[in-house]
C-alpha atoms as a PDB file:
ATOM      1  CA  PRO A   1      46.484 -29.239 -69.323  1.00  0.00           C
ATOM      2  CA  PRO A   2      47.368 -25.841 -68.564  1.00  0.00           C
ATOM      3  CA  LEU A   3      44.379 -24.621 -66.279  1.00  0.00           C
ATOM      4  CA  ALA A   4      42.697 -21.595 -66.770  1.00  0.00           C
ATOM      5  CA  PHE A   5      42.803 -18.747 -64.518  1.00  0.00           C
ATOM      6  CA  ASP A   6      44.714 -18.694 -61.249  1.00  0.00           C
ATOM      7  CA  HIS A   7      43.466 -22.018 -60.848  1.00  0.00           C
ATOM      8  CA  GLU A   8      47.314 -23.411 -61.041  1.00  0.00           C
ATOM      9  CA  LEU A   9      48.364 -20.984 -58.350  1.00  0.00           C
ATOM     10  CA  MET A  10      45.157 -22.131 -56.440  1.00  0.00           C
ATOM     11  CA  LEU A  11      46.482 -26.009 -57.272  1.00  0.00           C
ATOM     12  CA  GLN A  12      49.538 -25.319 -55.641  1.00  0.00           C
ATOM     13  CA  LEU A  13      48.795 -23.998 -52.869  1.00  0.00           C
ATOM     14  CA  ALA A  14      46.282 -26.274 -51.918  1.00  0.00           C
ATOM     15  CA  ILE A  15      49.296 -29.642 -52.201  1.00  0.00           C
ATOM     16  CA  LYS A  16      51.824 -27.031 -50.066  1.00  0.00           C
ATOM     17  CA  THR A  17      48.724 -26.779 -48.003  1.00  0.00           C
ATOM     18  CA  LEU A  18      47.847 -30.774 -47.123  1.00  0.00           C
ATOM     19  CA  ARG A  19      51.225 -31.032 -47.264  1.00  0.00           C
ATOM     20  CA  ARG A  20      51.956 -29.151 -44.056  1.00  0.00           C
ATOM     21  CA  ASP A  21      49.087 -30.073 -42.409  1.00  0.00           C
ATOM     22  CA  ILE A  22      49.272 -34.228 -43.125  1.00  0.00           C
ATOM     23  CA  CYS A  23      52.417 -34.138 -40.733  1.00  0.00           C
ATOM     24  CA  PHE A  24      49.806 -32.270 -37.689  1.00  0.00           C
ATOM     25  CA  GLU A  25      46.735 -33.726 -38.326  1.00  0.00           C
ATOM     26  CA  PRO A  26      44.010 -36.233 -39.197  1.00  0.00           C
ATOM     27  CA  ILE A  27      43.383 -34.763 -42.700  1.00  0.00           C
ATOM     28  CA  VAL A  28      44.662 -37.681 -44.626  1.00  0.00           C
ATOM     29  CA  CYS A  29      42.163 -40.394 -42.954  1.00  0.00           C
ATOM     30  CA  ASP A  30      39.192 -38.797 -44.882  1.00  0.00           C
ATOM     31  CA  LEU A  31      40.418 -39.214 -48.718  1.00  0.00           C
ATOM     32  CA  LEU A  32      40.659 -42.895 -47.335  1.00  0.00           C
ATOM     33  CA  PRO A  33      37.379 -45.669 -46.456  1.00  0.00           C
ATOM     34  CA  ASP A  34      36.051 -46.313 -43.112  1.00  0.00           C
ATOM     35  CA  THR A  35      39.214 -48.521 -42.401  1.00  0.00           C
ATOM     36  CA  TYR A  36      42.177 -48.985 -44.600  1.00  0.00           C
ATOM     37  CA  THR A  37      45.384 -50.610 -44.390  1.00  0.00           C
ATOM     38  CA  MET A  38      48.652 -49.162 -42.395  1.00  0.00           C
ATOM     39  CA  SER A  39      50.259 -49.706 -46.180  1.00  0.00           C
ATOM     40  CA  GLN A  40      47.385 -48.056 -47.844  1.00  0.00           C
ATOM     41  CA  LEU A  41      47.788 -44.926 -45.668  1.00  0.00           C
ATOM     42  CA  GLN A  42      51.444 -44.501 -46.098  1.00  0.00           C
ATOM     43  CA  SER A  43      51.029 -45.077 -49.887  1.00  0.00           C
ATOM     44  CA  LEU A  44      48.956 -42.092 -49.547  1.00  0.00           C
ATOM     45  CA  TYR A  45      51.336 -40.237 -47.669  1.00  0.00           C
ATOM     46  CA  GLU A  46      53.799 -40.828 -49.788  1.00  0.00           C
ATOM     47  CA  LEU A  47      52.152 -39.736 -52.514  1.00  0.00           C
ATOM     48  CA  ILE A  48      51.179 -36.611 -50.610  1.00  0.00           C
ATOM     49  CA  LEU A  49      54.347 -36.092 -49.484  1.00  0.00           C
ATOM     50  CA  ASP A  50      55.912 -37.063 -53.455  1.00  0.00           C
ATOM     51  CA  LYS A  51      58.705 -39.178 -51.281  1.00  0.00           C
ATOM     52  CA  LYS A  52      59.305 -42.320 -49.908  1.00  0.00           C
ATOM     53  CA  ILE A  53      59.349 -43.078 -46.242  1.00  0.00           C
ATOM     54  CA  ASP A  54      60.566 -45.528 -44.036  1.00  0.00           C
ATOM     55  CA  PRO A  55      58.114 -47.220 -42.846  1.00  0.00           C
ATOM     56  CA  TYR A  56      59.181 -47.584 -39.096  1.00  0.00           C
ATOM     57  CA  ILE A  57      59.617 -43.488 -39.087  1.00  0.00           C
ATOM     58  CA  PHE A  58      56.238 -43.604 -40.562  1.00  0.00           C
ATOM     59  CA  GLN A  59      54.613 -45.427 -37.579  1.00  0.00           C
ATOM     60  CA  GLU A  60      56.562 -43.732 -35.226  1.00  0.00           C
ATOM     61  CA  MET A  61      54.826 -40.754 -37.055  1.00  0.00           C
ATOM     62  CA  LEU A  62      51.066 -42.104 -37.023  1.00  0.00           C
ATOM     63  CA  ARG A  63      51.850 -43.258 -32.906  1.00  0.00           C
ATOM     64  CA  GLU A  64      52.481 -39.415 -31.959  1.00  0.00           C
ATOM     65  CA  MET A  65      50.043 -38.409 -33.835  1.00  0.00           C
ATOM     66  CA  ASN A  66      47.906 -41.270 -32.245  1.00  0.00           C
ATOM     67  CA  ILE A  67      45.218 -41.860 -35.178  1.00  0.00           C
ATOM     68  CA  THR A  68      45.359 -45.552 -35.641  1.00  0.00           C
ATOM     69  CA  ILE A  69      44.183 -47.970 -33.609  1.00  0.00           C
ATOM     70  CA  LYS A  70      44.729 -51.760 -33.989  1.00  0.00           C
END
C-alpha cells in the first residue's frame, strides 16, 4: 500500500544506502542469526541487491571483506 508522507522516499534511500554499503561493510551479518551458512548469506545478498550472484564471485568478495570463518 502507499506509504504516508515522505516514507516512500525514506524507504528508497534506505535500500539504496544498504545496497551501497553491503559491498564494503559486514552490516548484513546483523540481519542473520549468530551462525549461518554461506547459502543463507548469499541468499540475503541476492535479495538485497535484487540480482543473482555467481557463487565463486560471492566467495571471493567475502574473502576480501574478511568477514567469514569456516
